[in-house]
Amino acid sequence: MSSFSGLLGRLPRIGKGPGPDQDPSGEIPDTPPLDLQYDGIGNVLNGRKRYAVGLDWEPAQEGERVKDQADRGRKGGYRRALYAQHGAQYGFGSPDRQQPRGALALVTSARSELMGPRWAGAFRINEADRFWWVAAVRDGEVYEDAVVADEASARTLLLDMLDAPDWTRIIAPDDWHVSGTTQARIEQSFSMRSGAVLRPVDGKKDVIQRVVILSLIGLIAGSGYLYWSDMKRQEAERAEELARMRDAMVRVDPRTYPWAVSPQIASFVDTCVREIERTLFVLPGWTNGPIICAASGGDGVVSTEWGRTIGRIPWLRAATSHLEDQVSLLEGGSRAQLRREISFEGPSDAVISPPWTEGEVSDLVLSRFQTLGIGVTLRPRVRSLTTTQRQDLRSPVYNRHDLSLETSVAIEDYARLLSDVPALAPEALIYSVDTGTWNLTAKIYHPPILPLPPM
């Protein structure tokens, strides 16, 4: 899993903002190495102690219960029954991944005096194993928290993050030859004692503990409890004020999402295959160009061309006479073109799932296709913004991945592998008559980056 998969992107910390930059110029301590292991599910193990990694990090949604947010964003088949709170974020975990209540979220345990407020690192969990943990925090917000299965993936993930400016500490192996990095192990960079811990999203067990603690506080120092209550009230008022400022700056109407009116990928492919088959004619003396079925929201266009060698125009007219749209002749009859408009079935009225983050798209989509031995190309189209740039925004920024896959068989089955990917907008399905291959292209959007209120 990766960081920050909430629909509304990264939000400012509620209450106090990030403190002044620290100078993480201290030497990495010569800490004795630990025999850390990765359990292959979601935990770094140090003996019997478990540290949770790969949590689903999302912004805490104002006015919504933690349990409702956990249920709404569930994906991958895991019950999101636990969460760790870090600033204005929730990191969701699951007992299905053997992540226990009380486990420390490892990404929140960085040594601040060494790492500073903006750090990123790639750590080999155990030298004898293949798993790498890639993590990052920027100004109090979890930027990345992912476990990958090989060194190449870890290096790519870290280098992608370095497009963001002003990192105070970057951890990477020396043999990667990445400028400005330091080599360090997990136990050298993280205290592994302090940080956010997992607790139940329904709060049932925590309620009992809170009652006991508050009762003791009341018996020991009633005045202290009143002071604490007043501080909580002031913090809540400040949180409401910041929420009003944020909402006044930008409201994202789901109808304005770039993928809002796009057809479902399976419906898009089924419609295009049917329309391409209607347009496929092999005529003596004419060469077939590719047949293109393109979508723009709920509207679409099917187009193709023929190039004349020794064929005759009456043959072409006779073969296409049953179509409502007439073939157009180009370049004095040496080429012919057919173009007709179609429509796609709109998206369902079901609840829209939050978009996957950049890391989740790379991890989940690539893993799914590589497991089946299917080639797929994902190209990130990402714009990294500083805090100042986000404060200057007047509309959301939508980063995305561009997806492309090519096959000669079962394009409908391949499309169904993408049917659960949220925020996916199909672009085109192209059939090359001469090679018998299909090429499918689509855009997979990330959570929008929203403007920040002025500090």
Protein backbone atom coordinates (compact mmCIF):
# COMPACT_ATOMS: atom_id res chain seq x y z
CA MET A 1 0.00 0.00 0.00
CA SER A 2 1.06 3.57 -0.37
CA SER A 3 0.53 6.87 1.32
CA PHE A 4 -2.37 9.25 1.40
CA SER A 5 -5.14 7.65 -0.68
CA GLY A 6 -7.91 10.06 0.35
CA LEU A 7 -10.16 11.53 -2.31
CA LEU A 8 -9.40 15.11 -1.32
CA GLY A 9 -5.62 14.79 -1.44
CA ARG A 10 -3.25 16.28 1.14
CA LEU A 11 -4.76 18.76 3.62
CA PRO A 12 -2.99 21.10 6.04
CA ARG A 13 -2.37 19.92 9.57
CA ILE A 14 -5.27 20.87 11.82
CA GLY A 15 -4.29 22.91 14.84
CA LYS A 16 -0.62 23.75 14.90
CA GLY A 17 1.29 23.97 11.67
CA PRO A 18 4.65 22.29 11.14
CA GLY A 19 7.45 23.65 13.27
CA PRO A 20 10.55 25.40 11.97
CA ASP A 21 12.94 23.38 9.86
CA GLN A 22 15.44 21.37 11.82
CA ASP A 23 19.00 20.91 10.67
CA PRO A 24 19.45 17.14 10.39
CA SER A 25 23.19 17.48 10.05
CA GLY A 26 24.01 15.04 12.84
CA GLU A 27 25.87 11.87 12.12
CA ILE A 28 23.91 8.65 11.77
CA PRO A 29 24.44 6.77 15.06
CA ASP A 30 26.49 3.59 15.02
CA THR A 31 23.58 1.50 16.28
CA PRO A 32 24.05 -2.28 16.57
CA PRO A 33 22.18 -3.99 13.73
CA LEU A 34 18.86 -5.68 14.44
CA ASP A 35 17.65 -8.89 12.80
CA LEU A 36 14.57 -7.28 11.24
CA GLN A 37 12.28 -9.41 9.07
CA TYR A 38 9.31 -8.69 6.80
CA ASP A 39 6.39 -11.09 7.24
CA GLY A 40 5.22 -10.63 3.63
CA ILE A 41 1.86 -9.15 4.70
CA GLY A 42 2.25 -5.82 6.43
CA ASN A 43 4.69 -5.95 9.34
CA VAL A 44 8.38 -5.50 10.06
CA LEU A 45 9.30 -7.94 12.82
CA ASN A 46 11.90 -7.46 15.53
CA GLY A 47 11.68 -10.68 17.47
CA ARG A 48 8.10 -10.84 18.74
CA LYS A 49 7.47 -7.13 18.29
CA ARG A 50 5.57 -5.98 15.18
CA TYR A 51 5.82 -2.63 13.40
CA ALA A 52 3.06 -1.82 10.90
CA VAL A 53 4.13 -0.77 7.39
CA GLY A 54 2.28 -0.20 4.12
CA LEU A 55 -0.72 1.45 5.81
CA ASP A 56 -3.47 3.16 3.77
CA TRP A 57 -2.79 6.83 4.59
CA GLU A 58 -5.68 9.23 4.00
CA PRO A 59 -6.64 12.72 5.17
CA ALA A 60 -8.98 12.64 8.16
CA GLN A 61 -12.39 13.64 6.79
CA GLU A 62 -14.09 16.42 8.73
CA GLY A 63 -17.45 15.49 10.23
CA GLU A 64 -17.11 11.78 9.45
CA ARG A 65 -16.58 8.92 11.89
CA VAL A 66 -13.32 7.03 11.55
CA LYS A 67 -15.21 3.76 11.07
CA ASP A 68 -17.33 5.22 8.23
CA GLN A 69 -14.22 6.48 6.48
CA ALA A 70 -12.54 3.09 6.93
CA ASP A 71 -15.54 1.21 5.48
CA ARG A 72 -15.95 3.61 2.56
CA GLY A 73 -12.36 3.38 1.44
CA ARG A 74 -11.95 -0.38 1.80
CA LYS A 75 -10.08 -2.07 -1.05
CA GLY A 76 -7.97 -5.12 -1.71
CA GLY A 77 -10.25 -7.42 0.32
CA TYR A 78 -8.84 -6.35 3.71
CA ARG A 79 -11.01 -5.16 6.61
CA ARG A 80 -9.75 -1.73 7.62
CA ALA A 81 -10.49 -2.29 11.30
CA LEU A 82 -7.48 -0.43 12.77
CA TYR A 83 -6.02 3.02 12.29
CA ALA A 84 -3.14 5.21 13.46
CA GLN A 85 -3.61 8.97 13.64
CA HIS A 86 -0.70 11.16 12.53
CA GLY A 87 -1.41 14.88 12.33
CA ALA A 88 -4.44 15.33 10.06
CA GLN A 89 -4.09 11.82 8.58
CA TYR A 90 -5.35 8.34 9.31
CA GLY A 91 -3.23 5.32 8.42
CA PHE A 92 -5.57 2.33 8.12
CA GLY A 93 -4.39 -1.18 8.94
CA SER A 94 -6.02 -4.57 9.15
CA PRO A 95 -5.97 -7.66 11.37
CA ASP A 96 -6.23 -9.58 8.08
CA ARG A 97 -2.63 -8.46 7.47
CA GLN A 98 -1.59 -9.63 10.96
CA GLN A 99 -1.30 -6.01 12.10
CA PRO A 100 -2.24 -6.04 15.81
CA ARG A 101 -3.86 -3.38 17.93
CA GLY A 102 -1.13 -1.34 19.63
CA ALA A 103 1.44 -1.90 16.86
CA LEU A 104 3.58 1.15 16.11
CA ALA A 105 3.19 2.69 12.62
CA LEU A 106 6.89 2.61 11.73
CA VAL A 107 6.80 5.62 9.38
CA THR A 108 5.79 7.86 12.34
CA SER A 109 8.82 6.81 14.42
CA ALA A 110 11.58 8.70 12.60
CA ARG A 111 14.29 10.38 14.68
CA SER A 112 13.42 14.02 14.02
CA GLU A 113 16.85 15.29 15.04
CA LEU A 114 18.41 13.16 12.30
CA MET A 115 15.76 13.22 9.59
CA GLY A 116 14.32 16.73 9.80
CA PRO A 117 10.79 17.73 8.69
CA ARG A 118 11.08 16.46 5.09
CA TRP A 119 12.76 13.11 4.68
CA ALA A 120 12.62 10.20 2.26
CA GLY A 121 14.35 6.85 2.43
CA ALA A 122 14.70 3.40 0.90
CA PHE A 123 15.59 0.70 3.42
CA ARG A 124 16.42 -2.94 2.81
CA ILE A 125 14.55 -4.66 5.62
CA ASN A 126 16.99 -7.54 5.86
CA GLU A 127 20.20 -7.99 3.86
CA ALA A 128 19.39 -11.66 3.36
CA ASP A 129 15.93 -10.95 1.98
CA ARG A 130 14.58 -9.12 -1.09
CA PHE A 131 12.02 -6.77 0.48
CA TRP A 132 12.54 -3.01 0.63
CA TRP A 133 10.58 -0.44 2.59
CA VAL A 134 10.27 3.02 0.98
CA ALA A 135 8.96 5.77 3.25
CA ALA A 136 8.77 9.56 3.35
CA VAL A 137 7.29 12.36 5.46
CA ARG A 138 6.93 16.00 4.39
CA ASP A 139 6.07 18.69 6.92
CA GLY A 140 4.19 16.34 9.22
CA GLU A 141 2.34 14.43 6.48
CA VAL A 142 3.09 10.85 5.42
CA TYR A 143 4.20 11.06 1.80
CA GLU A 144 5.01 7.38 1.22
CA ASP A 145 4.77 4.10 3.16
CA ALA A 146 5.20 1.12 0.85
CA VAL A 147 6.94 -2.27 0.79
CA VAL A 148 8.22 -3.43 -2.61
CA ALA A 149 9.62 -6.78 -3.59
CA ASP A 150 12.88 -5.80 -5.31
CA GLU A 151 15.64 -3.20 -5.34
CA ALA A 152 14.77 -1.81 -8.79
CA SER A 153 11.21 -0.96 -7.69
CA ALA A 154 12.51 0.66 -4.50
CA ARG A 155 14.98 2.81 -6.42
CA THR A 156 12.34 3.90 -8.94
CA LEU A 157 9.89 4.79 -6.17
CA LEU A 158 12.49 6.84 -4.28
CA LEU A 159 13.71 8.69 -7.38
CA ASP A 160 10.13 9.60 -8.31
CA MET A 161 9.69 11.22 -4.90
CA LEU A 162 12.86 13.28 -5.26
CA ASP A 163 11.09 15.49 -7.82
CA ALA A 164 9.64 17.23 -4.76
CA PRO A 165 11.99 19.98 -3.50
CA ASP A 166 13.79 20.76 -0.22
CA TRP A 167 14.32 17.32 1.32
CA THR A 168 16.16 17.65 4.64
CA ARG A 169 17.40 14.03 4.64
CA ILE A 170 17.46 11.34 1.92
CA ILE A 171 18.42 7.77 2.84
CA ALA A 172 19.60 5.41 0.09
CA PRO A 173 22.39 2.86 -0.46
CA ASP A 174 25.73 4.34 -1.49
CA ASP A 175 25.91 2.12 -4.58
CA TRP A 176 22.77 3.79 -6.01
CA HIS A 177 24.95 6.90 -6.56
CA VAL A 178 22.10 9.29 -5.82
CA SER A 179 23.36 12.78 -5.03
CA GLY A 180 22.81 14.10 -1.51
CA THR A 181 21.92 10.76 0.10
CA THR A 182 23.12 9.02 3.24
CA GLN A 183 23.21 5.26 3.79
CA ALA A 184 21.50 4.06 6.96
CA ARG A 185 19.52 1.12 8.36
CA ILE A 186 16.01 1.28 9.77
CA GLU A 187 17.14 0.98 13.39
CA GLN A 188 19.59 3.87 12.88
CA SER A 189 16.98 6.22 11.44
CA PHE A 190 13.94 5.33 13.59
CA SER A 191 13.53 5.25 17.36
CA MET A 192 11.14 2.27 17.05
CA ARG A 193 9.68 3.28 20.42
CA SER A 194 7.65 6.47 19.90
CA GLY A 195 5.06 7.30 17.28
CA ALA A 196 1.42 6.63 16.35
CA VAL A 197 -0.02 3.22 17.26
CA LEU A 198 -2.89 1.24 15.73
CA ARG A 199 -6.22 1.26 17.50
CA PRO A 200 -9.74 0.04 16.60
CA VAL A 201 -11.73 2.24 14.23
CA ASP A 202 -14.91 1.59 16.23
CA GLY A 203 -13.21 2.81 19.43
CA LYS A 204 -14.91 0.16 21.59
CA LYS A 205 -11.85 -0.94 23.53
CA ASP A 206 -10.45 2.58 23.64
CA VAL A 207 -13.65 3.88 25.22
CA ILE A 208 -13.12 1.74 28.31
CA GLN A 209 -9.56 2.95 28.65
CA ARG A 210 -10.61 6.57 28.24
CA VAL A 211 -13.25 6.25 30.95
CA VAL A 212 -10.73 4.83 33.39
CA ILE A 213 -8.11 7.44 32.56
CA LEU A 214 -10.56 10.34 32.77
CA SER A 215 -11.91 9.03 36.10
CA LEU A 216 -8.40 8.93 37.54
CA ILE A 217 -7.70 12.40 36.23
CA GLY A 218 -10.91 13.65 37.82
CA LEU A 219 -10.03 12.08 41.20
CA ILE A 220 -6.45 13.34 41.17
CA ALA A 221 -6.87 16.80 39.75
CA GLY A 222 -10.28 18.17 38.81
CA SER A 223 -8.82 21.52 37.97
CA GLY A 224 -6.37 19.89 35.56
CA TYR A 225 -9.24 18.18 33.80
CA LEU A 226 -11.07 21.50 33.40
CA TYR A 227 -7.93 23.07 31.95
CA TRP A 228 -7.55 20.14 29.54
CA SER A 229 -11.19 20.48 28.44
CA ASP A 230 -10.74 24.17 27.75
CA MET A 231 -7.66 23.45 25.63
CA LYS A 232 -9.60 20.82 23.66
CA ARG A 233 -12.39 23.31 23.08
CA GLN A 234 -9.95 25.88 21.72
CA GLU A 235 -8.35 23.29 19.44
CA ALA A 236 -11.79 22.27 18.10
CA GLU A 237 -12.67 25.91 17.42
CA ARG A 238 -9.37 26.38 15.59
CA ALA A 239 -10.01 23.22 13.56
CA GLU A 240 -13.45 24.50 12.56
CA GLU A 241 -11.95 27.86 11.58
CA LEU A 242 -9.34 26.19 9.35
CA ALA A 243 -12.01 23.97 7.79
CA ARG A 244 -14.11 27.03 6.94
CA MET A 245 -11.07 28.71 5.39
CA ARG A 246 -10.31 25.62 3.31
CA ASP A 247 -13.90 25.17 2.16
CA ALA A 248 -14.14 28.85 1.26
CA MET A 249 -11.16 28.49 -1.07
CA VAL A 250 -12.25 25.47 -3.09
CA ARG A 251 -15.09 23.01 -3.22
CA VAL A 252 -14.60 20.01 -5.47
CA ASP A 253 -17.88 19.00 -7.09
CA PRO A 254 -17.66 15.29 -8.01
CA ARG A 255 -19.33 16.19 -11.32
CA THR A 256 -16.20 18.15 -12.27
CA TYR A 257 -13.75 15.27 -11.84
CA PRO A 258 -11.96 14.51 -15.15
CA TRP A 259 -13.26 10.94 -14.96
CA ALA A 260 -16.80 11.81 -13.78
CA VAL A 261 -18.64 11.15 -17.06
CA SER A 262 -16.27 8.56 -18.52
CA PRO A 263 -17.72 5.10 -19.26
CA GLN A 264 -16.71 2.07 -17.25
CA ILE A 265 -13.72 0.37 -18.86
CA ALA A 266 -15.52 -2.94 -19.53
CA SER A 267 -18.51 -1.16 -21.12
CA PHE A 268 -16.16 1.00 -23.19
CA VAL A 269 -14.26 -2.01 -24.56
CA ASP A 270 -17.44 -4.01 -25.28
CA THR A 271 -18.94 -1.09 -27.22
CA CYS A 272 -15.73 -0.40 -29.15
CA VAL A 273 -15.21 -4.05 -30.11
CA ARG A 274 -18.76 -4.18 -31.46
CA GLU A 275 -18.33 -0.94 -33.44
CA ILE A 276 -14.90 -1.95 -34.77
CA GLU A 277 -16.30 -5.24 -36.04
CA ARG A 278 -18.99 -3.28 -37.93
CA THR A 279 -16.29 -1.17 -39.56
CA LEU A 280 -13.91 -3.97 -40.56
CA PHE A 281 -13.92 -4.55 -44.35
CA VAL A 282 -11.12 -6.19 -46.32
CA LEU A 283 -11.43 -5.11 -49.96
CA PRO A 284 -9.35 -6.22 -52.96
CA GLY A 285 -6.98 -3.48 -54.08
CA TRP A 286 -7.40 -1.43 -50.87
CA THR A 287 -5.14 -1.53 -47.76
CA ASN A 288 -6.71 -1.17 -44.33
CA GLY A 289 -5.53 1.43 -41.86
CA PRO A 290 -6.05 1.01 -38.10
CA ILE A 291 -9.62 1.25 -36.78
CA ILE A 292 -9.81 3.72 -33.90
CA CYS A 293 -12.56 3.91 -31.28
CA ALA A 294 -11.96 6.99 -29.10
CA ALA A 295 -13.91 8.34 -26.12
CA SER A 296 -14.41 11.84 -24.80
CA GLY A 297 -16.60 11.48 -21.74
CA GLY A 298 -19.79 9.73 -22.81
CA ASP A 299 -19.30 10.57 -26.49
CA GLY A 300 -17.16 8.64 -28.93
CA VAL A 301 -15.91 8.47 -32.51
CA VAL A 302 -15.07 5.44 -34.65
CA SER A 303 -12.77 6.16 -37.60
CA THR A 304 -10.62 4.32 -40.13
CA GLU A 305 -8.98 4.78 -43.51
CA TRP A 306 -8.27 2.75 -46.62
CA GLY A 307 -5.40 3.32 -49.07
CA ARG A 308 -6.01 2.52 -52.71
CA THR A 309 -3.53 0.34 -54.59
CA ILE A 310 -5.35 -1.15 -57.58
CA GLY A 311 -8.84 -1.24 -56.12
CA ARG A 312 -11.85 0.58 -57.45
CA ILE A 313 -14.03 3.12 -55.74
CA PRO A 314 -17.33 1.32 -56.65
CA TRP A 315 -16.09 -1.74 -54.75
CA LEU A 316 -15.57 0.41 -51.67
CA ARG A 317 -19.00 2.06 -52.05
CA ALA A 318 -20.72 -1.31 -52.38
CA ALA A 319 -19.01 -2.75 -49.30
CA THR A 320 -20.01 0.22 -47.10
CA SER A 321 -23.44 0.98 -48.54
CA HIS A 322 -25.30 -0.46 -45.53
CA LEU A 323 -23.66 2.04 -43.14
CA GLU A 324 -25.48 5.24 -42.22
CA ASP A 325 -22.28 7.29 -42.54
CA GLN A 326 -20.82 7.68 -46.00
CA VAL A 327 -17.18 7.08 -46.88
CA SER A 328 -15.27 10.25 -47.81
CA LEU A 329 -12.70 10.22 -50.62
CA LEU A 330 -9.42 12.04 -50.05
CA GLU A 331 -6.43 12.99 -52.21
CA GLY A 332 -8.23 12.44 -55.51
CA GLY A 333 -9.54 9.03 -54.53
CA SER A 334 -6.20 7.55 -53.43
CA ARG A 335 -7.45 7.40 -49.84
CA ALA A 336 -10.87 6.91 -48.27
CA GLN A 337 -12.00 7.74 -44.77
CA LEU A 338 -14.96 6.71 -42.60
CA ARG A 339 -15.89 8.53 -39.42
CA ARG A 340 -19.01 8.16 -37.33
CA GLU A 341 -20.10 9.28 -33.89
CA ILE A 342 -21.21 6.84 -31.20
CA SER A 343 -22.16 7.06 -27.54
CA PHE A 344 -21.17 5.07 -24.47
CA GLU A 345 -23.18 3.97 -21.49
CA GLY A 346 -22.53 6.42 -18.66
CA PRO A 347 -21.00 5.50 -15.29
CA SER A 348 -23.18 3.73 -12.76
CA ASP A 349 -24.85 5.59 -9.90
CA ALA A 350 -22.93 3.58 -7.34
CA VAL A 351 -20.77 5.34 -4.72
CA ILE A 352 -17.58 6.62 -6.36
CA SER A 353 -14.48 5.01 -4.84
CA PRO A 354 -11.60 7.31 -3.91
CA PRO A 355 -8.80 7.42 -6.48
CA TRP A 356 -5.68 5.41 -5.81
CA THR A 357 -2.49 7.27 -5.07
CA GLU A 358 0.46 7.29 -7.46
CA GLY A 359 2.16 4.50 -5.53
CA GLU A 360 -0.96 2.36 -5.37
CA VAL A 361 -1.57 2.64 -9.11
CA SER A 362 2.00 1.53 -9.87
CA ASP A 363 1.99 -1.24 -7.28
CA LEU A 364 -1.48 -2.73 -7.71
CA VAL A 365 -1.90 -2.43 -11.48
CA LEU A 366 1.61 -3.57 -12.39
CA SER A 367 1.52 -6.42 -9.87
CA ARG A 368 -1.81 -7.63 -11.22
CA PHE A 369 -0.68 -7.74 -14.85
CA GLN A 370 2.82 -9.06 -14.12
CA THR A 371 1.37 -11.91 -12.07
CA LEU A 372 -0.47 -13.02 -15.21
CA GLY A 373 2.54 -12.41 -17.46
CA ILE A 374 0.78 -9.59 -19.34
CA GLY A 375 2.73 -6.59 -20.59
CA VAL A 376 1.39 -3.17 -19.62
CA THR A 377 2.94 0.31 -19.76
CA LEU A 378 2.30 2.91 -17.04
CA ARG A 379 3.72 6.40 -17.45
CA PRO A 380 3.33 8.84 -14.53
CA ARG A 381 2.26 12.37 -15.37
CA VAL A 382 2.94 14.03 -12.02
CA ARG A 383 3.37 17.64 -11.03
CA SER A 384 5.01 18.13 -7.61
CA LEU A 385 4.05 21.28 -5.70
CA THR A 386 5.62 23.06 -2.77
CA THR A 387 3.51 24.40 0.09
CA THR A 388 3.81 27.92 -1.33
CA GLN A 389 2.70 26.76 -4.79
CA ARG A 390 -0.34 25.02 -3.28
CA GLN A 391 -1.30 28.20 -1.45
CA ASP A 392 -1.23 30.04 -4.81
CA LEU A 393 -3.52 27.50 -6.53
CA ARG A 394 -7.04 28.49 -7.48
CA SER A 395 -8.22 25.09 -8.74
CA PRO A 396 -7.28 21.47 -8.03
CA VAL A 397 -4.37 19.76 -9.78
CA TYR A 398 -5.02 16.24 -11.09
CA ASN A 399 -1.95 14.05 -11.49
CA ARG A 400 -2.34 10.75 -13.32
CA HIS A 401 -0.81 7.67 -14.93
CA ASP A 402 -1.16 7.03 -18.67
CA LEU A 403 -1.84 3.34 -19.30
CA SER A 404 -1.27 1.41 -22.51
CA LEU A 405 -1.49 -2.32 -23.21
CA GLU A 406 -1.27 -4.32 -26.43
CA THR A 407 -2.57 -7.83 -27.13
CA SER A 408 -3.71 -9.97 -30.01
CA VAL A 409 -6.35 -11.91 -28.03
CA ALA A 410 -9.07 -11.49 -25.40
CA ILE A 411 -9.05 -7.72 -25.12
CA GLU A 412 -12.36 -7.89 -23.22
CA ASP A 413 -10.80 -10.09 -20.52
CA TYR A 414 -7.81 -7.78 -20.19
CA ALA A 415 -10.13 -4.79 -19.74
CA ARG A 416 -11.92 -6.56 -16.91
CA LEU A 417 -8.64 -6.69 -15.01
CA LEU A 418 -9.03 -2.90 -14.73
CA SER A 419 -12.73 -2.85 -13.86
CA ASP A 420 -12.15 -2.11 -10.16
CA VAL A 421 -9.58 0.64 -10.69
CA PRO A 422 -11.16 3.93 -9.57
CA ALA A 423 -10.83 7.26 -11.43
CA LEU A 424 -10.03 5.51 -14.72
CA ALA A 425 -10.95 7.30 -17.94
CA PRO A 426 -10.70 5.21 -21.16
CA GLU A 427 -9.14 7.05 -24.11
CA ALA A 428 -9.04 4.77 -27.14
CA LEU A 429 -9.16 1.20 -28.40
CA ILE A 430 -7.24 0.71 -31.65
CA TYR A 431 -7.32 -2.41 -33.84
CA SER A 432 -4.49 -2.85 -36.35
CA VAL A 433 -5.89 -4.91 -39.21
CA ASP A 434 -2.52 -5.82 -40.71
CA THR A 435 -1.13 -7.28 -37.45
CA GLY A 436 -4.38 -8.34 -35.74
CA THR A 437 -3.44 -6.55 -32.50
CA TRP A 438 -5.43 -4.42 -30.06
CA ASN A 439 -4.04 -1.38 -28.27
CA LEU A 440 -5.94 0.02 -25.28
CA THR A 441 -5.09 3.41 -23.74
CA ALA A 442 -6.55 5.06 -20.64
CA LYS A 443 -5.82 7.62 -17.93
CA ILE A 444 -5.80 6.69 -14.23
CA TYR A 445 -6.14 9.80 -12.07
CA HIS A 446 -4.70 10.30 -8.58
CA PRO A 447 -6.40 12.16 -5.71
CA PRO A 448 -6.65 15.88 -6.53
CA ILE A 449 -4.11 18.25 -5.00
CA LEU A 450 -6.16 21.05 -3.43
CA PRO A 451 -5.15 24.63 -2.69
CA LEU A 452 -3.93 25.25 0.86
CA PRO A 453 -5.40 28.07 2.96
CA PRO A 454 -2.93 30.85 3.86
CA MET A 455 -0.97 30.20 7.01
